[in-house]
């Protein structure tokens, strides 16, 4: 996860002022870019599709940070939690955290008991109609980057080579990224040291083992190949176009030997791109038969809010500029990678801050306008999440309970949603059906909802799941659903 833990030490203050300076530079650059090229809501990207070829609007959570340092590598999660999440917010998607250290605890040994645990939880989601993205998560390389295991997650201990270089103790965990020992661990993984070419081979092998296990599981729709990659001493386009793109290509080639259909999700480096700088990530060839199934999965963490500000005043102006620049770069990257779908793999914030829910609405509006999937960070309890420590809903729940088209037979474009009307652009094909989630207050009652549909007609209603089935007019270019007859 990318959000910052703030402290009052001098190192934190230096990072904070440097970060704010970078944001200001980005906003200035973003304003110039926006002036040169205005983005309209017609600039949407393709959607991920399911095994039946339906376009999917993905709405859900990254689940969960509790897996990062858990001894078994699994999140604190029960079937009842998924049921509550759906009942409260109608989600249909989860970015489920897995880790290399749990998949391959010893070199060449893939832990089937761990994969059984992942499969059990995938089944929980599958039984409830969810689509699952398996996310090979890492932060600060691995849990054994420091002897206390207090920070870091991802790589196994046997693959952690910091070569005796110093690693300090920091209250603000991002500062570990600047320690020589952490940088060396990443350099050894990417083999920029020339000492450990075997590490990337093992990482790719772990992905092949995961893909072989889940290739025949329809609920698993995507593999997120690495969370927030960090290049160590190699940063920017040299890292992204070089070792990172090369790793993704190797992973794609290996996965396709055992799984020919699951989407492959490519993240850019976190440093900078999370804040709206362009990415140098290169295209990845998908060796599968048929159209490529590659998606671009950036994160979004505007630094002023990541550093603790609310979405008000000057900060709101800075954040709006950052989001606009991020959007410009994201759309251009989608096009450059081959007109690929986009999933916003992480965004989130402390929702007790002033204006926080307005920011959440603004980001979901961007996703709706351009056809992006979203996995909010995260499903963990607390001020960033939808529930408190006792499992009671927080303010985020109402903000995320939005109407949306879950699946559409054909292409789906821009979405415009409010509490009483949902409109989305379509190019119907195939079975001509669209499944739409409607919140309880959109049209209350367990029976068939009181709605008016333009561009099609109601053909079914599942009151338990609050899913409206619409038979689309084959000539329709837009579907509009309004509360009331």
Protein backbone atom coordinates (compact mmCIF):
# COMPACT_ATOMS: atom_id res chain seq x y z
CA UNK A 1 0.00 0.00 0.00
CA UNK A 2 1.20 3.49 -0.74
CA UNK A 3 -0.23 5.74 1.96
CA UNK A 4 2.21 7.43 4.31
CA UNK A 5 2.61 7.14 8.05
CA UNK A 6 3.56 10.56 9.29
CA UNK A 7 5.93 11.30 12.15
CA UNK A 8 7.58 14.41 13.52
CA UNK A 9 11.20 13.44 12.88
CA UNK A 10 13.45 15.58 10.67
CA UNK A 11 13.64 12.88 7.99
CA UNK A 12 9.88 12.93 7.69
CA UNK A 13 9.83 16.72 7.36
CA UNK A 14 12.46 16.64 4.62
CA UNK A 15 10.47 14.02 2.69
CA UNK A 16 7.26 15.94 3.24
CA UNK A 17 8.61 19.21 1.83
CA UNK A 18 10.31 17.43 -1.05
CA UNK A 19 7.03 15.65 -1.81
CA UNK A 20 4.99 18.82 -1.71
CA UNK A 21 7.48 20.46 -4.05
CA UNK A 22 7.11 17.57 -6.47
CA UNK A 23 3.32 17.87 -6.36
CA UNK A 24 3.51 21.56 -7.17
CA UNK A 25 5.72 20.78 -10.16
CA UNK A 26 3.31 18.09 -11.29
CA UNK A 27 0.31 20.37 -11.02
CA UNK A 28 2.02 23.07 -13.08
CA UNK A 29 2.95 20.49 -15.70
CA UNK A 30 -0.55 19.04 -15.52
CA UNK A 31 -2.13 22.42 -16.11
CA UNK A 32 -0.03 22.88 -19.23
CA UNK A 33 -0.93 19.42 -20.46
CA UNK A 34 -4.61 19.94 -19.77
CA UNK A 35 -4.51 23.17 -21.71
CA UNK A 36 -2.88 21.46 -24.65
CA UNK A 37 -5.26 18.52 -24.69
CA UNK A 38 -8.66 18.66 -23.03
CA UNK A 39 -9.98 15.27 -21.99
CA UNK A 40 -13.62 14.55 -22.75
CA UNK A 41 -15.78 11.84 -21.24
CA UNK A 42 -15.91 10.11 -24.62
CA UNK A 43 -12.28 8.98 -24.24
CA UNK A 44 -13.04 5.66 -22.59
CA UNK A 45 -10.93 2.51 -22.72
CA UNK A 46 -11.95 -1.09 -23.41
CA UNK A 47 -13.25 -3.13 -20.50
CA UNK A 48 -12.02 -6.42 -19.17
CA UNK A 49 -14.28 -9.18 -20.44
CA UNK A 50 -15.40 -12.41 -18.82
CA UNK A 51 -15.34 -15.93 -20.28
CA UNK A 52 -18.57 -15.17 -22.15
CA UNK A 53 -17.15 -12.01 -23.71
CA UNK A 54 -19.26 -9.59 -21.66
CA UNK A 55 -17.76 -6.20 -20.78
CA UNK A 56 -17.30 -5.86 -17.03
CA UNK A 57 -17.42 -2.80 -14.83
CA UNK A 58 -15.30 -3.85 -11.84
CA UNK A 59 -15.97 -2.27 -8.46
CA UNK A 60 -14.41 -3.58 -5.28
CA UNK A 61 -11.55 -3.55 -2.78
CA UNK A 62 -7.96 -4.61 -2.37
CA UNK A 63 -8.27 -7.37 0.24
CA UNK A 64 -6.44 -7.01 2.42
CA UNK A 65 -3.45 -5.44 4.13
CA UNK A 66 -3.91 -7.94 6.96
CA UNK A 67 -2.34 -10.59 4.67
CA UNK A 68 0.97 -8.76 4.37
CA UNK A 69 2.66 -10.07 7.49
CA UNK A 70 0.24 -12.80 8.52
CA UNK A 71 2.17 -16.04 9.18
CA UNK A 72 -0.02 -17.94 6.70
CA UNK A 73 -0.04 -15.08 4.16
CA UNK A 74 -3.84 -14.92 4.16
CA UNK A 75 -6.06 -11.93 4.98
CA UNK A 76 -8.35 -11.69 7.99
CA UNK A 77 -11.52 -12.57 6.09
CA UNK A 78 -14.64 -14.68 6.52
CA UNK A 79 -17.51 -15.51 4.15
CA UNK A 80 -19.77 -13.27 6.24
CA UNK A 81 -17.47 -10.33 5.50
CA UNK A 82 -17.98 -10.80 1.77
CA UNK A 83 -21.73 -11.09 2.24
CA UNK A 84 -21.79 -7.87 4.27
CA UNK A 85 -19.66 -6.09 1.69
CA UNK A 86 -22.02 -7.04 -1.12
CA UNK A 87 -25.14 -6.22 0.90
CA UNK A 88 -23.76 -2.80 1.80
CA UNK A 89 -22.07 -1.76 -1.45
CA UNK A 90 -22.90 -4.22 -4.26
CA UNK A 91 -19.24 -4.89 -5.11
CA UNK A 92 -18.40 -7.47 -7.78
CA UNK A 93 -14.59 -7.48 -7.69
CA UNK A 94 -11.68 -8.13 -5.36
CA UNK A 95 -7.96 -7.54 -5.80
CA UNK A 96 -6.84 -10.36 -3.53
CA UNK A 97 -3.36 -10.10 -2.02
CA UNK A 98 -1.01 -13.07 -2.36
CA UNK A 99 2.75 -13.13 -1.79
CA UNK A 100 5.84 -14.73 -3.28
CA UNK A 101 7.11 -15.73 0.17
CA UNK A 102 3.95 -17.78 0.77
CA UNK A 103 3.84 -19.30 -2.73
CA UNK A 104 7.52 -20.32 -2.72
CA UNK A 105 8.75 -20.56 0.91
CA UNK A 106 11.81 -22.53 -0.21
CA UNK A 107 13.53 -22.36 -3.62
CA UNK A 108 11.54 -24.42 -6.10
CA UNK A 109 8.98 -25.57 -3.51
CA UNK A 110 5.46 -24.28 -4.09
CA UNK A 111 3.30 -24.46 -0.99
CA UNK A 112 0.12 -26.27 -1.99
CA UNK A 113 -1.39 -25.75 1.47
CA UNK A 114 -1.11 -21.99 0.96
CA UNK A 115 -2.58 -22.22 -2.53
CA UNK A 116 -5.39 -24.33 -1.02
CA UNK A 117 -6.08 -21.47 1.38
CA UNK A 118 -6.18 -18.97 -1.46
CA UNK A 119 -8.44 -21.29 -3.46
CA UNK A 120 -10.83 -21.61 -0.53
CA UNK A 121 -11.19 -17.84 -0.36
CA UNK A 122 -11.54 -17.56 -4.13
CA UNK A 123 -14.42 -20.01 -3.80
CA UNK A 124 -16.05 -17.75 -1.21
CA UNK A 125 -15.99 -14.95 -3.73
CA UNK A 126 -17.01 -17.17 -6.65
CA UNK A 127 -20.09 -18.41 -4.78
CA UNK A 128 -21.18 -14.79 -4.46
CA UNK A 129 -20.62 -13.84 -8.09
CA UNK A 130 -17.34 -11.91 -7.72
CA UNK A 131 -14.44 -11.56 -10.13
CA UNK A 132 -11.02 -12.06 -8.52
CA UNK A 133 -7.66 -10.50 -9.40
CA UNK A 134 -4.73 -12.24 -7.69
CA UNK A 135 -2.20 -9.57 -6.74
CA UNK A 136 1.42 -10.62 -6.07
CA UNK A 137 1.95 -8.00 -3.41
CA UNK A 138 5.18 -6.48 -2.13
CA UNK A 139 6.25 -3.44 -0.14
CA UNK A 140 9.88 -2.82 0.86
CA UNK A 141 10.77 -6.09 -0.88
CA UNK A 142 9.96 -8.65 1.83
CA UNK A 143 9.17 -9.47 5.45
CA UNK A 144 12.81 -10.30 6.21
CA UNK A 145 14.25 -7.00 5.06
CA UNK A 146 14.74 -6.21 8.78
CA UNK A 147 15.31 -8.79 11.55
CA UNK A 148 12.18 -7.78 13.45
CA UNK A 149 9.93 -8.53 10.45
CA UNK A 150 8.11 -5.35 11.47
CA UNK A 151 8.00 -3.89 7.96
CA UNK A 152 7.99 -5.20 4.44
CA UNK A 153 6.16 -7.99 2.68
CA UNK A 154 6.47 -9.98 -0.51
CA UNK A 155 9.73 -11.84 -1.13
CA UNK A 156 10.85 -14.89 0.85
CA UNK A 157 13.84 -14.66 3.14
CA UNK A 158 15.99 -16.91 0.96
CA UNK A 159 15.56 -14.41 -1.90
CA UNK A 160 16.49 -11.37 0.22
CA UNK A 161 20.08 -10.25 -0.35
CA UNK A 162 20.91 -6.87 1.19
CA UNK A 163 24.62 -7.81 1.29
CA UNK A 164 25.12 -6.46 4.79
CA UNK A 165 24.39 -2.87 3.81
CA UNK A 166 22.71 -0.75 6.48
CA UNK A 167 18.98 -0.55 7.02
CA UNK A 168 17.81 1.92 9.64
CA UNK A 169 14.74 2.14 11.85
CA UNK A 170 12.04 4.53 10.72
CA UNK A 171 8.62 5.46 12.02
CA UNK A 172 7.65 6.44 8.47
CA UNK A 173 7.92 3.20 6.54
CA UNK A 174 8.55 4.74 3.12
CA UNK A 175 11.92 6.01 4.35
CA UNK A 176 13.14 2.40 4.29
CA UNK A 177 13.14 2.65 0.50
CA UNK A 178 16.09 5.05 0.80
CA UNK A 179 18.23 2.68 2.90
CA UNK A 180 21.23 1.13 1.14
CA UNK A 181 20.29 -2.40 2.23
CA UNK A 182 16.77 -2.13 0.82
CA UNK A 183 18.05 -0.66 -2.42
CA UNK A 184 20.57 -3.51 -2.69
CA UNK A 185 17.87 -6.15 -2.15
CA UNK A 186 15.95 -4.74 -5.10
CA UNK A 187 19.12 -4.38 -7.18
CA UNK A 188 19.88 -8.04 -6.60
CA UNK A 189 16.32 -9.02 -7.56
CA UNK A 190 16.48 -7.05 -10.82
CA UNK A 191 20.05 -8.35 -11.27
CA UNK A 192 21.45 -4.92 -11.89
CA UNK A 193 24.28 -6.17 -9.64
CA UNK A 194 24.90 -9.16 -11.93
CA UNK A 195 24.99 -11.40 -8.85
CA UNK A 196 21.54 -13.00 -8.68
CA UNK A 197 20.03 -13.84 -12.09
CA UNK A 198 18.14 -16.70 -10.44
CA UNK A 199 15.78 -14.46 -8.43
CA UNK A 200 13.66 -13.25 -11.34
CA UNK A 201 13.56 -16.82 -12.66
CA UNK A 202 12.14 -17.97 -9.33
CA UNK A 203 9.60 -15.14 -9.28
CA UNK A 204 8.38 -16.08 -12.75
CA UNK A 205 8.22 -19.73 -11.68
CA UNK A 206 6.06 -18.77 -8.71
CA UNK A 207 3.64 -17.02 -11.06
CA UNK A 208 3.55 -20.09 -13.30
CA UNK A 209 2.65 -22.22 -10.26
CA UNK A 210 -0.15 -19.82 -9.30
CA UNK A 211 -1.49 -19.70 -12.84
CA UNK A 212 -1.42 -23.47 -13.18
CA UNK A 213 -3.47 -23.76 -10.00
CA UNK A 214 -6.11 -21.17 -10.99
CA UNK A 215 -6.22 -21.51 -14.78
CA UNK A 216 -9.54 -23.37 -14.66
CA UNK A 217 -11.17 -21.13 -12.03
CA UNK A 218 -13.62 -18.84 -13.88
CA UNK A 219 -13.82 -16.42 -10.95
CA UNK A 220 -10.12 -15.56 -11.28
CA UNK A 221 -10.22 -12.99 -14.04
CA UNK A 222 -6.75 -11.39 -13.73
CA UNK A 223 -3.23 -11.67 -12.34
CA UNK A 224 -1.61 -8.45 -11.05
CA UNK A 225 2.01 -9.33 -11.77
CA UNK A 226 3.69 -7.12 -9.13
CA UNK A 227 2.42 -4.56 -6.67
CA UNK A 228 4.12 -1.16 -6.84
CA UNK A 229 7.44 -2.18 -8.45
CA UNK A 230 10.54 -0.41 -7.17
CA UNK A 231 13.78 -0.38 -9.15
CA UNK A 232 16.28 0.12 -6.32
CA UNK A 233 19.14 2.21 -7.72
CA UNK A 234 17.55 2.14 -11.19
CA UNK A 235 14.57 4.46 -11.51
CA UNK A 236 12.28 6.00 -14.12
CA UNK A 237 12.11 4.94 -17.78
CA UNK A 238 15.43 3.06 -17.57
CA UNK A 239 13.90 0.75 -14.96
CA UNK A 240 10.39 0.51 -16.40
CA UNK A 241 11.33 0.02 -20.05
CA UNK A 242 14.21 -2.27 -19.04
CA UNK A 243 14.07 -4.78 -16.16
CA UNK A 244 10.39 -4.26 -15.33
CA UNK A 245 9.04 -4.76 -18.85
CA UNK A 246 11.42 -7.69 -19.28
CA UNK A 247 10.09 -9.35 -16.10
CA UNK A 248 6.50 -8.84 -17.23
CA UNK A 249 7.28 -10.40 -20.61
CA UNK A 250 8.93 -13.41 -18.96
CA UNK A 251 5.97 -13.82 -16.60
CA UNK A 252 3.48 -13.53 -19.47
CA UNK A 253 5.37 -16.17 -21.47
CA UNK A 254 5.46 -18.55 -18.51
CA UNK A 255 1.84 -18.03 -17.48
CA UNK A 256 0.62 -18.65 -21.01
CA UNK A 257 2.15 -22.14 -20.95
CA UNK A 258 -0.47 -23.12 -18.36
CA UNK A 259 -3.22 -20.48 -18.61
CA UNK A 260 -4.31 -19.07 -21.95
CA UNK A 261 -7.19 -16.85 -20.88
CA UNK A 262 -6.71 -14.95 -17.61
CA UNK A 263 -5.96 -11.23 -17.97
CA UNK A 264 -2.43 -10.05 -17.12
CA UNK A 265 -2.29 -6.77 -15.23
CA UNK A 266 0.80 -4.55 -15.55
CA UNK A 267 1.65 -1.98 -12.89
CA UNK A 268 4.09 0.87 -13.48
CA UNK A 269 6.67 1.80 -10.88
CA UNK A 270 5.06 3.38 -7.84
CA UNK A 271 7.65 6.10 -7.31
CA UNK A 272 6.34 9.08 -9.23
CA UNK A 273 3.63 7.37 -11.27
CA UNK A 274 1.36 7.09 -8.19
CA UNK A 275 1.68 10.88 -8.01
CA UNK A 276 0.94 11.43 -11.74
CA UNK A 277 4.31 11.36 -13.52
CA UNK A 278 4.38 9.49 -16.86
CA UNK A 279 5.42 5.86 -16.99
CA UNK A 280 8.14 4.40 -19.20
CA UNK A 281 6.61 0.91 -19.10
CA UNK A 282 6.98 -0.86 -22.43
CA UNK A 283 4.43 -3.00 -24.31
CA UNK A 284 4.21 -6.69 -23.41
CA UNK A 285 3.40 -9.25 -26.07
CA UNK A 286 0.68 -11.71 -25.10
CA UNK A 287 1.58 -15.08 -26.66
CA UNK A 288 -1.94 -16.48 -26.32
CA UNK A 289 -3.99 -17.40 -29.38
CA UNK A 290 -6.48 -14.64 -30.10
CA UNK A 291 -6.64 -11.03 -28.91
CA UNK A 292 -4.23 -10.00 -26.17
CA UNK A 293 -5.48 -10.00 -22.59
CA UNK A 294 -3.23 -7.34 -21.14
CA UNK A 295 -4.45 -4.58 -18.80
CA UNK A 296 -2.78 -1.52 -17.31
CA UNK A 297 -3.22 -1.22 -13.53
CA UNK A 298 -1.76 2.00 -12.08
CA UNK A 299 -2.34 3.37 -8.58
CA UNK A 300 -3.32 6.91 -7.60
CA UNK A 301 -2.10 8.63 -4.42
CA UNK A 302 -1.92 12.44 -4.75
CA UNK A 303 0.79 13.41 -2.30
CA UNK A 304 -0.91 16.30 -0.47
CA UNK A 305 -3.64 13.94 0.74
CA UNK A 306 -1.22 11.07 1.27
CA UNK A 307 0.62 13.40 3.63
CA UNK A 308 -2.52 13.98 5.66
CA UNK A 309 -4.35 16.92 4.12
CA UNK A 310 -8.05 16.98 3.43
CA UNK A 311 -9.68 17.66 0.07
CA UNK A 312 -10.30 21.36 0.65
CA UNK A 313 -8.94 24.74 -0.36
CA UNK A 314 -5.50 24.82 -1.94
CA UNK A 315 -5.04 21.09 -1.42
CA UNK A 316 -8.19 20.38 -3.43
CA UNK A 317 -6.81 22.50 -6.29
CA UNK A 318 -3.48 20.65 -6.14
CA UNK A 319 -5.16 17.26 -6.03
CA UNK A 320 -7.51 18.06 -8.90
CA UNK A 321 -4.50 19.02 -11.02
CA UNK A 322 -2.70 15.83 -10.03
CA UNK A 323 -5.71 13.67 -10.91
CA UNK A 324 -6.08 15.40 -14.27
CA UNK A 325 -2.41 14.79 -15.08
CA UNK A 326 -2.64 11.19 -13.88
CA UNK A 327 -5.68 10.67 -16.12
CA UNK A 328 -3.92 12.14 -19.16
CA UNK A 329 -0.92 9.88 -18.63
CA UNK A 330 -3.07 6.83 -17.91
CA UNK A 331 -5.07 7.21 -21.12
CA UNK A 332 -1.92 7.71 -23.15
CA UNK A 333 -0.32 4.64 -21.58
CA UNK A 334 -3.40 2.53 -22.28
CA UNK A 335 -3.17 3.56 -25.92
CA UNK A 336 0.59 3.00 -26.12
CA UNK A 337 0.34 -0.49 -24.62
CA UNK A 338 -2.19 -1.49 -27.27
CA UNK A 339 -5.51 0.17 -26.30
CA UNK A 340 -5.66 -1.97 -23.18
CA UNK A 341 -8.22 -1.86 -20.35
CA UNK A 342 -7.39 0.09 -17.19
CA UNK A 343 -7.96 -1.00 -13.61
CA UNK A 344 -7.25 1.54 -10.89
CA UNK A 345 -5.63 -1.02 -8.62
CA UNK A 346 -5.37 1.24 -5.58
CA UNK A 347 -6.54 4.57 -4.36
CA UNK A 348 -7.74 5.52 -0.91
CA UNK A 349 -7.38 7.90 2.00
CA UNK A 350 -8.28 8.59 5.61
CA UNK A 351 -11.98 9.29 5.22
CA UNK A 352 -12.12 11.28 8.46
CA UNK A 353 -10.31 14.13 6.69
CA UNK A 354 -12.29 17.17 5.47
CA UNK A 355 -13.69 16.65 1.99
CA UNK A 356 -12.54 13.01 1.85
CA UNK A 357 -15.81 11.62 0.53
CA UNK A 358 -15.97 14.34 -2.11
CA UNK A 359 -12.57 13.12 -3.30
CA UNK A 360 -13.79 9.51 -3.36
CA UNK A 361 -16.75 10.61 -5.49
CA UNK A 362 -14.43 12.55 -7.82
CA UNK A 363 -12.17 9.54 -8.42
CA UNK A 364 -15.11 7.20 -9.05
CA UNK A 365 -16.53 9.77 -11.46
CA UNK A 366 -13.22 9.65 -13.38
CA UNK A 367 -13.42 5.85 -13.44
CA UNK A 368 -17.04 6.00 -14.62
CA UNK A 369 -16.23 8.53 -17.33
CA UNK A 370 -13.45 6.45 -18.85
CA UNK A 371 -14.34 2.82 -18.19
CA UNK A 372 -11.77 2.04 -15.48
CA UNK A 373 -12.16 -0.77 -12.98
CA UNK A 374 -11.51 0.19 -9.34
CA UNK A 375 -10.10 -1.66 -6.33
CA UNK A 376 -10.24 0.74 -3.38
CA UNK A 377 -7.45 0.43 -0.78
CA UNK A 378 -8.48 -1.35 1.32
CA UNK A 379 -10.91 -3.79 2.91
CA UNK A 380 -9.08 -3.52 6.25
CA UNK A 381 -10.96 -1.92 9.16
CA UNK A 382 -10.15 1.62 10.19
CA UNK A 383 -10.26 5.19 8.96
CA UNK A 384 -9.28 4.22 5.39
CA UNK A 385 -11.74 1.32 5.11
CA UNK A 386 -15.48 0.69 4.90
CA UNK A 387 -15.84 -0.79 8.41
CA UNK A 388 -14.56 -0.06 11.89
CA UNK A 389 -12.77 -2.54 14.14
CA UNK A 390 -16.10 -3.99 15.28
CA UNK A 391 -17.28 -4.52 11.72
CA UNK A 392 -19.75 -1.64 11.77
CA UNK A 393 -20.17 0.37 8.54
CA UNK A 394 -18.31 3.66 8.29
CA UNK A 395 -18.95 6.73 6.13
CA UNK A 396 -17.18 5.16 3.14
CA UNK A 397 -19.93 2.56 2.73
CA UNK A 398 -22.58 5.04 1.61
CA UNK A 399 -20.06 6.76 -0.70
CA UNK A 400 -19.25 3.49 -2.50
CA UNK A 401 -22.82 2.20 -2.78
CA UNK A 402 -23.28 3.47 -6.33
CA UNK A 403 -25.36 2.13 -9.24
CA UNK A 404 -23.31 0.67 -12.09
CA UNK A 405 -23.60 -1.78 -15.01
CA UNK A 406 -21.98 -4.98 -13.73
CA UNK A 407 -21.78 -6.67 -17.12
CA UNK A 408 -22.87 -5.78 -20.63
CA UNK A 409 -23.19 -7.95 -23.76
CA UNK A 410 -21.17 -5.66 -26.00
CA UNK A 411 -19.01 -2.63 -25.33
CA UNK A 412 -19.79 -0.29 -22.46
CA UNK A 413 -18.63 3.33 -22.45
CA UNK A 414 -18.95 6.29 -20.12
CA UNK A 415 -21.15 5.88 -17.04
CA UNK A 416 -23.08 8.69 -15.35
CA UNK A 417 -24.54 7.73 -11.99
CA UNK A 418 -26.37 9.43 -9.17
CA UNK A 419 -28.79 8.23 -6.52
CA UNK A 420 -31.82 8.27 -8.83
CA UNK A 421 -30.51 7.75 -12.37
CA UNK A 422 -27.91 5.64 -14.15
CA UNK A 423 -26.91 6.24 -17.77
CA UNK A 424 -24.20 4.42 -19.70
CA UNK A 425 -23.06 4.30 -23.32
CA UNK A 426 -23.30 0.93 -25.07
CA UNK A 427 -22.68 -0.91 -28.31
CA UNK A 428 -24.89 -3.97 -27.78
CA UNK A 429 -23.98 -7.37 -29.22
CA UNK A 430 -24.49 -11.05 -28.52
CA UNK A 431 -27.27 -11.77 -26.05
CA UNK A 432 -28.08 -8.04 -25.71
CA UNK A 433 -28.39 -8.27 -21.92
CA UNK A 434 -27.00 -5.85 -19.35
CA UNK A 435 -26.85 -6.61 -15.61
CA UNK A 436 -27.07 -3.48 -13.48
CA UNK A 437 -26.54 -3.10 -9.74
CA UNK A 438 -29.01 -0.70 -8.07
CA UNK A 439 -28.48 0.44 -4.45
CA UNK A 440 -31.32 -0.01 -2.02
CA UNK A 441 -32.25 3.67 -2.04
CA UNK A 442 -32.25 3.89 -5.85
CA UNK A 443 -35.57 2.06 -5.97
CA UNK A 444 -36.37 0.45 -2.63
CA UNK A 445 -38.33 -2.70 -2.02
CA UNK A 446 -37.80 -6.44 -2.49
CA UNK A 447 -40.17 -6.70 -5.43
CA UNK A 448 -39.62 -5.59 -9.02
CA UNK A 449 -38.27 -2.04 -8.80
CA UNK A 450 -40.13 1.01 -9.98
CA UNK A 451 -37.85 2.13 -12.81
CA UNK A 452 -38.05 3.58 -16.30
CA UNK A 453 -35.62 2.26 -18.89
CA UNK A 454 -34.70 4.01 -22.13
CA UNK A 455 -32.76 1.99 -24.71
CA UNK A 456 -34.11 -1.34 -23.54
CA UNK A 457 -36.60 -3.02 -21.25
CA UNK A 458 -36.47 -4.78 -17.91
CA UNK A 459 -36.19 -8.54 -18.37
CA UNK A 460 -35.43 -9.63 -14.81
CA UNK A 461 -34.83 -8.57 -11.23
CA UNK A 462 -32.86 -10.31 -8.48
CA UNK A 463 -34.03 -8.61 -5.29
CA UNK A 464 -31.47 -10.37 -3.11
CA UNK A 465 -28.50 -9.19 -5.18
CA UNK A 466 -30.27 -6.00 -6.28
CA UNK A 467 -29.38 -6.76 -9.90
CA UNK A 468 -31.65 -5.53 -12.69
CA UNK A 469 -31.45 -7.37 -16.00
CA UNK A 470 -32.09 -5.20 -19.06
CA UNK A 471 -32.68 -6.48 -22.58
CA UNK A 472 -31.01 -3.79 -24.68
CA UNK A 473 -32.36 -2.49 -27.97
CA UNK A 474 -29.79 -3.69 -30.56
CA UNK A 475 -29.74 -0.17 -32.01
CA UNK A 476 -29.24 1.53 -28.64
CA UNK A 477 -26.21 3.72 -28.04
CA UNK A 478 -27.19 4.61 -24.49
CA UNK A 479 -29.10 2.94 -21.67
CA UNK A 480 -30.80 5.15 -19.10
CA UNK A 481 -32.42 3.80 -15.93
CA UNK A 482 -34.38 6.20 -13.74
CA UNK A 483 -36.12 5.61 -10.44
CA UNK A 484 -39.88 5.78 -10.77
CA UNK A 485 -42.23 4.83 -13.58
